């Protein structure tokens, strides 16, 4: 249990404990403890060289981005019904384990005891049931809460020497979205075969759990770890999107994301990679490619790059209701508009529109080549899945039918 009120947290940055302080009064205040301009920044747009103290009416977006939401947040509420769940409490719960290189600790508090690690092989061999996943969340909630997203997920520590943070992400499905883990596995496999960078991933033997390695850490052979900075596009745009404001992550357009990446002085190869990620989401009918599902990794302002593709699912195979008892609807639109401007829609683009986005907006010289590579990856993934007992046949049939219009972009 945490204190009833938390007015201050010590903030570590890239493994430097106490590099900053986060204070909560009527506003939020972040202070760098050291004025050394060479120290790692708490955020790309909050460097110590610009100022030592930062003020905000709400939690700073690069900190807000990792607050647990959806299934994980509800599990926290259920496990600790009398515990405060303010942003400061949730950051204290995340501790040193959130995606990216920031850590949070109560002043004077000792490091939390590490839970027993687990091997990836053990996770892949785990037979999923809701009860089993509940036990996994209970066992690793203290180290696995630093990950956002609505899908059931938790981070766990892998059996590797001297690694102080959890390095595996475990995702499960739900009754509302059957086959979700296998769905994401197929999408990631298609992206991988298309030459799009992803994190390392695998599907459990029963096809019910997706196990991924974190993409924000680099682990050396001796077990030492480098933590890289990470900010999703919503955070970089200054948006706080959690809870009731979550619709903000669906506002805007992919063109405006490109404008932001250009303002951050990202390289052309990153803009090309962004086009590939957007085109892939369109071709596999992923209608949930919102602002939090793209991001930037960095060591410094001069050393930053687009994050690998993550959280990609063919959403169009599922039906949903906007309210209890309401009509069932199908996901037939993009999460964001493709182009900026009034009159633009979220409808899936024509081939000509997608190619124009790649060439005119992203600066890709031959976007049609990338569409062909994506189509080839999708076809190979479907072919592999026909011989994979972990993929249900009903799911494979739905994925094949739903991907058919996407394959036509490369025709």
Protein backbone atom coordinates (compact mmCIF):
# COMPACT_ATOMS: atom_id res chain seq x y z
CA UNK A 1 0.00 0.00 0.00
CA UNK A 2 1.14 3.52 -0.81
CA UNK A 3 0.61 6.68 1.29
CA UNK A 4 -2.79 8.36 1.15
CA UNK A 5 -1.23 11.40 -0.49
CA UNK A 6 1.93 11.64 -2.57
CA UNK A 7 3.33 15.13 -3.02
CA UNK A 8 6.75 14.22 -4.42
CA UNK A 9 8.46 11.46 -6.36
CA UNK A 10 12.15 11.15 -7.16
CA UNK A 11 12.68 10.60 -10.87
CA UNK A 12 15.49 8.53 -12.35
CA UNK A 13 16.51 9.09 -15.97
CA UNK A 14 18.39 6.46 -17.99
CA UNK A 15 19.56 4.71 -14.83
CA UNK A 16 20.55 7.88 -12.96
CA UNK A 17 18.63 7.77 -9.66
CA UNK A 18 17.37 11.06 -8.30
CA UNK A 19 18.12 12.96 -11.51
CA UNK A 20 14.89 14.91 -11.05
CA UNK A 21 11.94 15.51 -8.78
CA UNK A 22 8.24 15.45 -9.63
CA UNK A 23 6.05 17.50 -7.28
CA UNK A 24 2.25 17.73 -7.09
CA UNK A 25 0.56 20.67 -5.44
CA UNK A 26 -2.15 22.57 -7.26
CA UNK A 27 -0.02 21.98 -10.37
CA UNK A 28 2.67 19.55 -11.46
CA UNK A 29 6.31 20.61 -11.26
CA UNK A 30 9.37 18.80 -12.55
CA UNK A 31 12.82 19.87 -11.37
CA UNK A 32 16.21 18.77 -12.60
CA UNK A 33 18.45 18.21 -9.59
CA UNK A 34 21.64 18.86 -11.56
CA UNK A 35 22.21 21.72 -14.01
CA UNK A 36 24.64 19.66 -16.11
CA UNK A 37 23.41 20.07 -19.69
CA UNK A 38 25.04 16.75 -20.64
CA UNK A 39 22.69 14.68 -18.51
CA UNK A 40 19.85 12.77 -20.22
CA UNK A 41 16.66 14.76 -20.67
CA UNK A 42 13.43 13.76 -18.98
CA UNK A 43 11.78 14.21 -22.39
CA UNK A 44 12.88 15.18 -25.87
CA UNK A 45 11.22 18.57 -25.59
CA UNK A 46 12.15 19.16 -21.91
CA UNK A 47 15.97 19.32 -21.94
CA UNK A 48 17.95 20.70 -19.01
CA UNK A 49 19.61 23.10 -21.45
CA UNK A 50 16.31 24.93 -21.90
CA UNK A 51 15.29 25.21 -18.25
CA UNK A 52 15.70 23.42 -14.91
CA UNK A 53 12.10 23.66 -13.70
CA UNK A 54 8.96 22.85 -15.69
CA UNK A 55 5.36 23.54 -14.67
CA UNK A 56 2.09 22.08 -15.97
CA UNK A 57 -1.55 22.04 -14.92
CA UNK A 58 -1.73 18.31 -15.65
CA UNK A 59 0.81 15.50 -15.57
CA UNK A 60 3.51 15.96 -18.20
CA UNK A 61 2.58 13.99 -21.34
CA UNK A 62 5.83 11.91 -21.45
CA UNK A 63 4.90 10.66 -17.95
CA UNK A 64 1.19 10.35 -18.66
CA UNK A 65 1.86 8.05 -21.62
CA UNK A 66 2.74 5.00 -19.48
CA UNK A 67 -0.06 5.21 -16.92
CA UNK A 68 -1.99 1.92 -16.91
CA UNK A 69 -5.39 2.07 -18.57
CA UNK A 70 -8.13 -0.24 -19.69
CA UNK A 71 -7.92 -3.81 -18.42
CA UNK A 72 -4.76 -3.29 -16.36
CA UNK A 73 -6.11 -0.19 -14.62
CA UNK A 74 -9.34 -1.99 -13.71
CA UNK A 75 -7.32 -4.88 -12.29
CA UNK A 76 -5.36 -2.46 -10.12
CA UNK A 77 -8.62 -0.97 -8.83
CA UNK A 78 -10.00 -4.42 -8.09
CA UNK A 79 -6.86 -5.66 -6.32
CA UNK A 80 -6.49 -2.49 -4.22
CA UNK A 81 -10.02 -1.07 -3.79
CA UNK A 82 -9.02 1.25 -0.93
CA UNK A 83 -5.81 2.49 -2.54
CA UNK A 84 -5.70 5.94 -4.12
CA UNK A 85 -5.14 5.79 -7.88
CA UNK A 86 -4.04 9.34 -8.64
CA UNK A 87 -1.40 9.82 -11.31
CA UNK A 88 1.26 10.11 -8.59
CA UNK A 89 0.17 6.80 -7.05
CA UNK A 90 0.21 5.07 -10.43
CA UNK A 91 3.69 6.41 -11.19
CA UNK A 92 4.89 5.14 -7.81
CA UNK A 93 3.42 1.75 -8.68
CA UNK A 94 5.20 1.76 -12.05
CA UNK A 95 8.50 2.47 -10.30
CA UNK A 96 11.49 1.81 -12.53
CA UNK A 97 9.65 -0.48 -14.90
CA UNK A 98 7.81 1.71 -17.38
CA UNK A 99 8.48 1.69 -21.12
CA UNK A 100 11.26 4.21 -21.76
CA UNK A 101 13.99 5.36 -19.40
CA UNK A 102 12.11 7.12 -16.58
CA UNK A 103 11.69 5.68 -13.10
CA UNK A 104 9.75 6.91 -10.05
CA UNK A 105 10.26 6.33 -6.33
CA UNK A 106 9.00 7.79 -3.08
CA UNK A 107 11.76 9.90 -1.47
CA UNK A 108 13.89 7.70 0.76
CA UNK A 109 12.15 4.50 -0.30
CA UNK A 110 14.18 1.40 -1.00
CA UNK A 111 13.93 -0.42 -4.28
CA UNK A 112 11.04 -2.86 -4.43
CA UNK A 113 11.80 -6.55 -4.07
CA UNK A 114 12.06 -8.24 -7.43
CA UNK A 115 9.52 -11.00 -8.08
CA UNK A 116 10.75 -14.37 -9.26
CA UNK A 117 11.72 -14.28 -12.93
CA UNK A 118 10.27 -16.59 -15.53
CA UNK A 119 11.59 -17.94 -18.80
CA UNK A 120 10.05 -17.20 -22.16
CA UNK A 121 9.75 -20.96 -22.70
CA UNK A 122 7.63 -21.24 -19.56
CA UNK A 123 5.31 -18.48 -20.75
CA UNK A 124 4.93 -20.01 -24.20
CA UNK A 125 4.09 -23.37 -22.64
CA UNK A 126 1.47 -21.85 -20.31
CA UNK A 127 -2.06 -23.02 -21.02
CA UNK A 128 -4.20 -19.90 -20.91
CA UNK A 129 -7.32 -19.54 -18.81
CA UNK A 130 -8.68 -16.29 -17.34
CA UNK A 131 -7.68 -17.58 -13.90
CA UNK A 132 -4.11 -18.27 -15.04
CA UNK A 133 -3.79 -14.77 -16.46
CA UNK A 134 -5.25 -13.28 -13.26
CA UNK A 135 -2.54 -15.10 -11.30
CA UNK A 136 0.12 -13.78 -13.67
CA UNK A 137 -1.11 -10.21 -13.14
CA UNK A 138 -1.18 -10.64 -9.37
CA UNK A 139 2.35 -12.04 -9.32
CA UNK A 140 3.87 -9.30 -11.47
CA UNK A 141 1.69 -6.25 -10.90
CA UNK A 142 4.44 -4.63 -8.83
CA UNK A 143 6.84 -4.70 -11.78
CA UNK A 144 4.53 -4.91 -14.76
CA UNK A 145 2.21 -1.92 -14.54
CA UNK A 146 4.27 0.49 -16.62
CA UNK A 147 2.55 -0.22 -19.91
CA UNK A 148 -0.46 1.50 -21.41
CA UNK A 149 -3.17 0.16 -23.70
CA UNK A 150 -6.68 -1.23 -23.37
CA UNK A 151 -5.86 -4.90 -24.10
CA UNK A 152 -5.18 -7.32 -21.21
CA UNK A 153 -1.41 -7.28 -20.75
CA UNK A 154 1.34 -7.39 -18.12
CA UNK A 155 5.15 -7.12 -18.09
CA UNK A 156 7.21 -9.86 -16.47
CA UNK A 157 10.94 -10.29 -15.73
CA UNK A 158 12.77 -12.81 -17.86
CA UNK A 159 15.45 -15.15 -16.49
CA UNK A 160 18.54 -13.23 -17.63
CA UNK A 161 21.37 -12.22 -15.36
CA UNK A 162 21.52 -8.77 -13.76
CA UNK A 163 18.55 -7.26 -15.60
CA UNK A 164 16.75 -5.02 -13.08
CA UNK A 165 13.50 -4.46 -15.02
CA UNK A 166 10.87 -6.69 -16.65
CA UNK A 167 11.73 -7.32 -20.29
CA UNK A 168 8.79 -9.42 -21.52
CA UNK A 169 5.28 -8.23 -22.34
CA UNK A 170 2.49 -10.79 -22.17
CA UNK A 171 -0.81 -10.08 -23.94
CA UNK A 172 -4.01 -12.08 -23.69
CA UNK A 173 -7.31 -12.02 -25.50
CA UNK A 174 -10.80 -11.52 -24.13
CA UNK A 175 -14.29 -12.83 -24.69
CA UNK A 176 -15.12 -9.68 -26.66
CA UNK A 177 -12.19 -10.21 -29.05
CA UNK A 178 -11.61 -13.93 -29.56
CA UNK A 179 -8.34 -14.95 -31.14
CA UNK A 180 -6.77 -11.57 -30.40
CA UNK A 181 -3.29 -12.91 -29.54
CA UNK A 182 -3.14 -15.02 -32.71
CA UNK A 183 -4.51 -12.08 -34.70
CA UNK A 184 -1.67 -9.80 -33.55
CA UNK A 185 0.86 -12.58 -34.08
CA UNK A 186 -0.23 -12.94 -37.71
CA UNK A 187 -0.03 -9.17 -38.23
CA UNK A 188 3.42 -8.93 -36.69
CA UNK A 189 4.63 -11.91 -38.70
CA UNK A 190 3.36 -10.32 -41.92
CA UNK A 191 5.10 -7.06 -41.01
CA UNK A 192 8.32 -8.92 -40.23
CA UNK A 193 8.20 -10.76 -43.56
CA UNK A 194 7.58 -7.43 -45.31
CA UNK A 195 10.79 -6.01 -43.85
CA UNK A 196 9.07 -3.76 -41.29
CA UNK A 197 10.88 -3.67 -37.95
CA UNK A 198 8.99 -5.14 -34.99
CA UNK A 199 9.95 -6.23 -31.52
CA UNK A 200 10.82 -9.91 -30.98
CA UNK A 201 7.57 -11.85 -30.55
CA UNK A 202 6.12 -15.34 -30.32
CA UNK A 203 2.78 -17.04 -29.75
CA UNK A 204 2.13 -19.50 -26.93
CA UNK A 205 1.64 -23.15 -27.79
CA UNK A 206 -2.13 -22.87 -27.33
CA UNK A 207 -2.33 -19.65 -29.35
CA UNK A 208 -3.84 -17.66 -26.47
CA UNK A 209 -0.88 -15.56 -25.26
CA UNK A 210 1.39 -13.25 -27.25
CA UNK A 211 4.84 -12.80 -25.71
CA UNK A 212 6.96 -9.85 -26.85
CA UNK A 213 10.34 -8.48 -25.89
CA UNK A 214 10.53 -4.80 -25.00
CA UNK A 215 11.87 -2.69 -27.85
CA UNK A 216 13.16 0.14 -25.63
CA UNK A 217 16.02 -1.78 -24.02
CA UNK A 218 19.31 -3.16 -25.28
CA UNK A 219 20.72 -6.06 -23.27
CA UNK A 220 24.42 -6.89 -23.58
CA UNK A 221 25.86 -10.40 -23.33
CA UNK A 222 26.96 -9.72 -19.73
CA UNK A 223 23.38 -8.85 -18.73
CA UNK A 224 23.91 -5.10 -18.47
CA UNK A 225 21.09 -3.06 -19.91
CA UNK A 226 20.77 0.22 -21.79
CA UNK A 227 17.45 1.99 -21.37
CA UNK A 228 16.46 4.16 -24.30
CA UNK A 229 14.06 7.05 -24.16
CA UNK A 230 10.64 6.48 -25.67
CA UNK A 231 7.75 8.85 -26.34
CA UNK A 232 4.64 8.03 -28.29
CA UNK A 233 3.25 10.50 -30.81
CA UNK A 234 0.48 11.64 -28.46
CA UNK A 235 3.06 12.58 -25.82
CA UNK A 236 5.28 14.32 -28.37
CA UNK A 237 2.25 16.31 -29.51
CA UNK A 238 1.62 17.38 -25.90
CA UNK A 239 -1.58 15.37 -25.53
CA UNK A 240 -2.71 13.64 -22.36
CA UNK A 241 -4.97 10.86 -23.52
CA UNK A 242 -5.73 8.60 -20.59
CA UNK A 243 -9.19 7.74 -19.21
CA UNK A 244 -12.01 10.10 -20.22
CA UNK A 245 -9.76 12.01 -22.62
CA UNK A 246 -8.72 8.88 -24.48
CA UNK A 247 -10.57 10.03 -27.58
CA UNK A 248 -7.76 12.54 -28.11
CA UNK A 249 -5.57 9.75 -29.44
CA UNK A 250 -8.04 9.40 -32.32
CA UNK A 251 -7.94 13.08 -33.27
CA UNK A 252 -5.89 14.40 -36.17
CA UNK A 253 -4.34 12.81 -39.22
CA UNK A 254 -1.34 10.79 -40.29
CA UNK A 255 -0.23 13.81 -42.32
CA UNK A 256 0.01 15.85 -39.10
CA UNK A 257 2.08 13.06 -37.55
CA UNK A 258 4.51 13.40 -40.46
CA UNK A 259 4.58 17.16 -39.87
CA UNK A 260 5.51 16.48 -36.24
CA UNK A 261 8.24 14.04 -37.20
CA UNK A 262 9.66 16.62 -39.60
CA UNK A 263 9.57 19.26 -36.84
CA UNK A 264 11.58 16.84 -34.69
CA UNK A 265 14.12 16.70 -37.55
CA UNK A 266 13.64 12.98 -38.10
CA UNK A 267 15.57 11.48 -41.00
CA UNK A 268 14.02 10.59 -44.33
CA UNK A 269 14.48 6.88 -43.60
CA UNK A 270 12.25 7.32 -40.53
CA UNK A 271 9.58 9.04 -42.62
CA UNK A 272 9.78 6.12 -45.06
CA UNK A 273 9.43 3.68 -42.17
CA UNK A 274 6.42 5.63 -40.90
CA UNK A 275 4.79 5.38 -44.33
CA UNK A 276 5.38 1.62 -44.28
CA UNK A 277 3.76 1.33 -40.83
CA UNK A 278 0.72 3.36 -41.88
CA UNK A 279 0.39 1.51 -45.21
CA UNK A 280 0.65 -1.82 -43.40
CA UNK A 281 -2.11 -0.86 -40.94
CA UNK A 282 -4.30 0.14 -43.87
CA UNK A 283 -3.63 -3.06 -45.82
CA UNK A 284 -4.33 -5.40 -42.86
CA UNK A 285 -7.37 -3.30 -41.87
CA UNK A 286 -6.03 -2.20 -38.49
CA UNK A 287 -8.51 0.50 -37.52
CA UNK A 288 -6.80 1.20 -34.21
CA UNK A 289 -3.51 2.74 -35.41
CA UNK A 290 -3.97 5.82 -33.23
CA UNK A 291 -1.48 8.37 -31.90
CA UNK A 292 -0.24 6.15 -29.07
CA UNK A 293 0.62 3.30 -31.44
CA UNK A 294 3.53 5.14 -33.05
CA UNK A 295 6.55 6.54 -31.26
CA UNK A 296 10.14 7.70 -31.19
CA UNK A 297 13.11 6.07 -29.46
CA UNK A 298 16.12 8.19 -28.53
CA UNK A 299 19.35 8.55 -26.61
CA UNK A 300 19.57 12.28 -27.22
CA UNK A 301 18.14 14.94 -29.55
CA UNK A 302 20.80 14.05 -32.12
CA UNK A 303 20.28 10.28 -31.78
CA UNK A 304 16.62 9.42 -32.30
CA UNK A 305 14.68 7.11 -34.59
CA UNK A 306 11.17 5.82 -35.24
CA UNK A 307 10.14 3.02 -32.90
CA UNK A 308 9.35 -0.43 -34.33
CA UNK A 309 5.77 -1.28 -35.24
CA UNK A 310 3.72 -2.37 -32.22
CA UNK A 311 0.09 -2.96 -31.20
CA UNK A 312 -1.11 -3.90 -34.68
CA UNK A 313 -4.28 -5.99 -35.05
CA UNK A 314 -6.79 -6.64 -37.83
CA UNK A 315 -9.69 -4.93 -36.06
CA UNK A 316 -12.12 -5.27 -38.96
CA UNK A 317 -12.90 -8.91 -38.11
CA UNK A 318 -14.55 -7.89 -34.83
CA UNK A 319 -17.95 -6.42 -34.15
CA UNK A 320 -18.65 -4.03 -31.28
CA UNK A 321 -21.38 -1.91 -29.69
CA UNK A 322 -21.10 1.74 -28.69
CA UNK A 323 -23.34 1.20 -25.66
CA UNK A 324 -24.96 -1.67 -23.77
CA UNK A 325 -27.76 -3.17 -25.81
CA UNK A 326 -26.85 -1.10 -28.86
CA UNK A 327 -26.57 -2.44 -32.39
CA UNK A 328 -23.48 -4.38 -33.43
CA UNK A 329 -21.13 -2.38 -35.62
CA UNK A 330 -18.10 -3.25 -37.72
CA UNK A 331 -14.80 -1.36 -37.69
CA UNK A 332 -14.60 -0.04 -41.24
CA UNK A 333 -12.60 3.18 -40.84
CA UNK A 334 -9.07 4.36 -40.01
CA UNK A 335 -8.19 5.53 -36.52
CA UNK A 336 -7.02 8.87 -37.96
CA UNK A 337 -7.62 10.71 -41.21
CA UNK A 338 -4.94 10.06 -43.81
CA UNK A 339 -4.69 13.70 -44.92
CA UNK A 340 -5.08 16.86 -42.86
CA UNK A 341 -7.74 19.45 -43.60
CA UNK A 342 -11.48 19.93 -43.47
CA UNK A 343 -13.55 17.60 -45.55
CA UNK A 344 -11.15 14.68 -45.12
CA UNK A 345 -12.55 11.40 -43.85
CA UNK A 346 -11.37 8.28 -42.05
CA UNK A 347 -12.42 6.06 -44.94
CA UNK A 348 -9.78 3.63 -46.17
CA UNK A 349 -7.94 5.36 -49.03
CA UNK A 350 -7.77 4.41 -52.66
CA UNK A 351 -4.48 3.15 -54.04
CA UNK A 352 -3.88 6.53 -55.66
CA UNK A 353 -4.48 8.35 -52.36
CA UNK A 354 -2.14 6.03 -50.45
CA UNK A 355 0.61 6.44 -53.05
CA UNK A 356 0.14 10.23 -52.95
CA UNK A 357 0.48 10.17 -49.17
CA UNK A 358 3.71 8.20 -49.45
CA UNK A 359 5.25 10.33 -52.16
CA UNK A 360 4.00 13.85 -51.46
CA UNK A 361 3.72 13.75 -47.66
CA UNK A 362 6.35 11.22 -46.56
CA UNK A 363 8.84 11.82 -49.36
CA UNK A 364 9.01 8.16 -50.41
CA UNK A 365 10.40 7.90 -53.92
CA UNK A 366 8.79 4.61 -54.94
CA UNK A 367 5.92 3.92 -52.52
CA UNK A 368 4.47 1.25 -54.82
CA UNK A 369 7.53 -0.92 -54.11
CA UNK A 370 6.80 -0.83 -50.38
CA UNK A 371 3.16 -1.76 -50.99
CA UNK A 372 4.36 -4.77 -52.97
CA UNK A 373 6.67 -5.84 -50.15
CA UNK A 374 3.85 -5.53 -47.63
CA UNK A 375 1.53 -7.60 -49.82
CA UNK A 376 4.20 -10.29 -50.19
CA UNK A 377 4.63 -10.38 -46.41
CA UNK A 378 0.89 -10.73 -45.89
CA UNK A 379 0.68 -13.60 -48.38
CA UNK A 380 3.62 -15.42 -46.79
CA UNK A 381 2.16 -15.02 -43.30
CA UNK A 382 -1.17 -16.48 -44.43
CA UNK A 383 0.62 -19.38 -46.13
CA UNK A 384 2.63 -20.15 -42.99
CA UNK A 385 -0.48 -20.00 -40.82
CA UNK A 386 -2.18 -22.77 -42.78
CA UNK A 387 0.37 -25.16 -41.23
CA UNK A 388 0.38 -23.58 -37.74
CA UNK A 389 -1.82 -25.46 -35.29
CA UNK A 390 -1.82 -22.43 -32.96
CA UNK A 391 -3.90 -20.41 -35.43
CA UNK A 392 -7.61 -21.31 -35.37
CA UNK A 393 -8.96 -22.07 -38.83
CA UNK A 394 -11.95 -19.76 -38.35
CA UNK A 395 -9.58 -16.90 -37.54
CA UNK A 396 -7.35 -17.63 -40.51
CA UNK A 397 -10.36 -17.64 -42.84
CA UNK A 398 -11.55 -14.29 -41.49
CA UNK A 399 -8.07 -12.78 -41.74
CA UNK A 400 -7.66 -14.02 -45.32
CA UNK A 401 -10.98 -12.51 -46.39
CA UNK A 402 -10.34 -9.23 -44.56
CA UNK A 403 -6.83 -8.85 -45.98
CA UNK A 404 -8.01 -9.38 -49.58
CA UNK A 405 -8.85 -5.67 -50.21
CA UNK A 406 -5.47 -4.69 -48.75
CA UNK A 407 -3.61 -6.97 -51.11
CA UNK A 408 -5.26 -5.14 -53.98
CA UNK A 409 -3.20 -2.02 -53.19
CA UNK A 410 -0.19 -3.81 -54.63
CA UNK A 411 -1.96 -5.18 -57.71
